[in-house]
Amino acid sequence: MMTSKELLYVEDALGHECFMKSCSLKASIELADETLSNYMKELETKHTELFDKFSSLLEN
């Protein structure tokens, strides 16, 4: 079982990853440079993976 402090950390991390995912998605759509756009898509994938990992901590 998680302490309240640990739970707050995980909730904060989830919020951060959600924000970073949406920023990465927005940037990938708006960037005209294909290389940068592709890089932002990779970052979106990475932040989605991190979000899922933090989310799985709440399921246990």
C-alpha atoms as a PDB file:
ATOM      1  CA  MET A   1       0.000   0.000   0.000  1.00  0.00           C
ATOM      2  CA  MET A   2       1.213   3.461  -0.877  1.00  0.00           C
ATOM      3  CA  THR A   3       1.610   6.230   1.634  1.00  0.00           C
ATOM      4  CA  SER A   4      -0.248   9.470   1.003  1.00  0.00           C
ATOM      5  CA  LYS A   5       3.056  11.137   0.082  1.00  0.00           C
ATOM      6  CA  GLU A   6       3.821   8.429  -2.483  1.00  0.00           C
ATOM      7  CA  LEU A   7       0.320   8.702  -3.901  1.00  0.00           C
ATOM      8  CA  LEU A   8       0.728  12.462  -4.306  1.00  0.00           C
ATOM      9  CA  TYR A   9       4.010  11.885  -6.144  1.00  0.00           C
ATOM     10  CA  VAL A  10       2.413   9.409  -8.551  1.00  0.00           C
ATOM     11  CA  GLU A  11      -0.543  11.726  -9.163  1.00  0.00           C
ATOM     12  CA  ASP A  12       1.858  14.594  -9.865  1.00  0.00           C
ATOM     13  CA  ALA A  13       3.886  12.421 -12.235  1.00  0.00           C
ATOM     14  CA  LEU A  14       0.707  11.377 -14.068  1.00  0.00           C
ATOM     15  CA  GLY A  15      -0.270  15.012 -14.528  1.00  0.00           C
ATOM     16  CA  HIS A  16       3.201  15.868 -15.797  1.00  0.00           C
ATOM     17  CA  GLU A  17       3.240  13.012 -18.305  1.00  0.00           C
ATOM     18  CA  CYS A  18      -0.249  13.885 -19.527  1.00  0.00           C
ATOM     19  CA  PHE A  19       0.836  17.504 -20.056  1.00  0.00           C
ATOM     20  CA  MET A  20       4.029  16.481 -21.850  1.00  0.00           C
ATOM     21  CA  LYS A  21       2.119  14.060 -24.077  1.00  0.00           C
ATOM     22  CA  SER A  22      -0.361  16.730 -25.145  1.00  0.00           C
ATOM     23  CA  CYS A  23       2.416  19.290 -25.746  1.00  0.00           C
ATOM     24  CA  SER A  24       4.364  16.776 -27.832  1.00  0.00           C
ATOM     25  CA  LEU A  25       1.274  15.937 -29.879  1.00  0.00           C
ATOM     26  CA  LYS A  26       0.459  19.581 -30.490  1.00  0.00           C
ATOM     27  CA  ALA A  27       4.034  20.358 -31.522  1.00  0.00           C
ATOM     28  CA  SER A  28       4.214  17.352 -33.861  1.00  0.00           C
ATOM     29  CA  ILE A  29       1.097  18.588 -35.661  1.00  0.00           C
ATOM     30  CA  GLU A  30       2.178  22.222 -35.858  1.00  0.00           C
ATOM     31  CA  LEU A  31       5.837  21.802 -36.851  1.00  0.00           C
ATOM     32  CA  ALA A  32       6.562  22.189 -40.544  1.00  0.00           C
ATOM     33  CA  ASP A  33       9.968  20.514 -40.292  1.00  0.00           C
ATOM     34  CA  GLU A  34       9.374  16.786 -40.818  1.00  0.00           C
ATOM     35  CA  THR A  35      12.397  15.705 -38.770  1.00  0.00           C
ATOM     36  CA  LEU A  36      11.326  17.756 -35.765  1.00  0.00           C
ATOM     37  CA  SER A  37       7.731  16.653 -36.163  1.00  0.00           C
ATOM     38  CA  ASN A  38       8.787  12.998 -36.148  1.00  0.00           C
ATOM     39  CA  TYR A  39      10.945  13.582 -33.072  1.00  0.00           C
ATOM     40  CA  MET A  40       7.975  15.112 -31.256  1.00  0.00           C
ATOM     41  CA  LYS A  41       5.890  12.062 -32.204  1.00  0.00           C
ATOM     42  CA  GLU A  42       8.590   9.879 -30.620  1.00  0.00           C
ATOM     43  CA  LEU A  43       8.425  12.012 -27.478  1.00  0.00           C
ATOM     44  CA  GLU A  44       4.655  11.642 -27.394  1.00  0.00           C
ATOM     45  CA  THR A  45       5.080   7.856 -27.504  1.00  0.00           C
ATOM     46  CA  LYS A  46       7.676   7.976 -24.724  1.00  0.00           C
ATOM     47  CA  HIS A  47       5.442  10.095 -22.487  1.00  0.00           C
ATOM     48  CA  THR A  48       2.515   7.764 -23.161  1.00  0.00           C
ATOM     49  CA  GLU A  49       4.670   4.837 -22.038  1.00  0.00           C
ATOM     50  CA  LEU A  50       5.735   6.702 -18.888  1.00  0.00           C
ATOM     51  CA  PHE A  51       2.118   7.630 -18.144  1.00  0.00           C
ATOM     52  CA  ASP A  52       1.132   3.978 -18.456  1.00  0.00           C
ATOM     53  CA  LYS A  53       3.938   2.893 -16.117  1.00  0.00           C
ATOM     54  CA  PHE A  54       2.942   5.418 -13.449  1.00  0.00           C
ATOM     55  CA  SER A  55      -0.713   4.496 -13.924  1.00  0.00           C
ATOM     56  CA  SER A  56       0.077   0.835 -13.349  1.00  0.00           C
ATOM     57  CA  LEU A  57       1.438   1.739  -9.900  1.00  0.00           C
ATOM     58  CA  LEU A  58      -2.082   2.721  -8.890  1.00  0.00           C
ATOM     59  CA  GLU A  59      -3.514  -0.619 -10.018  1.00  0.00           C
ATOM     60  CA  ASN A  60      -1.311  -2.680  -7.710  1.00  0.00           C
END
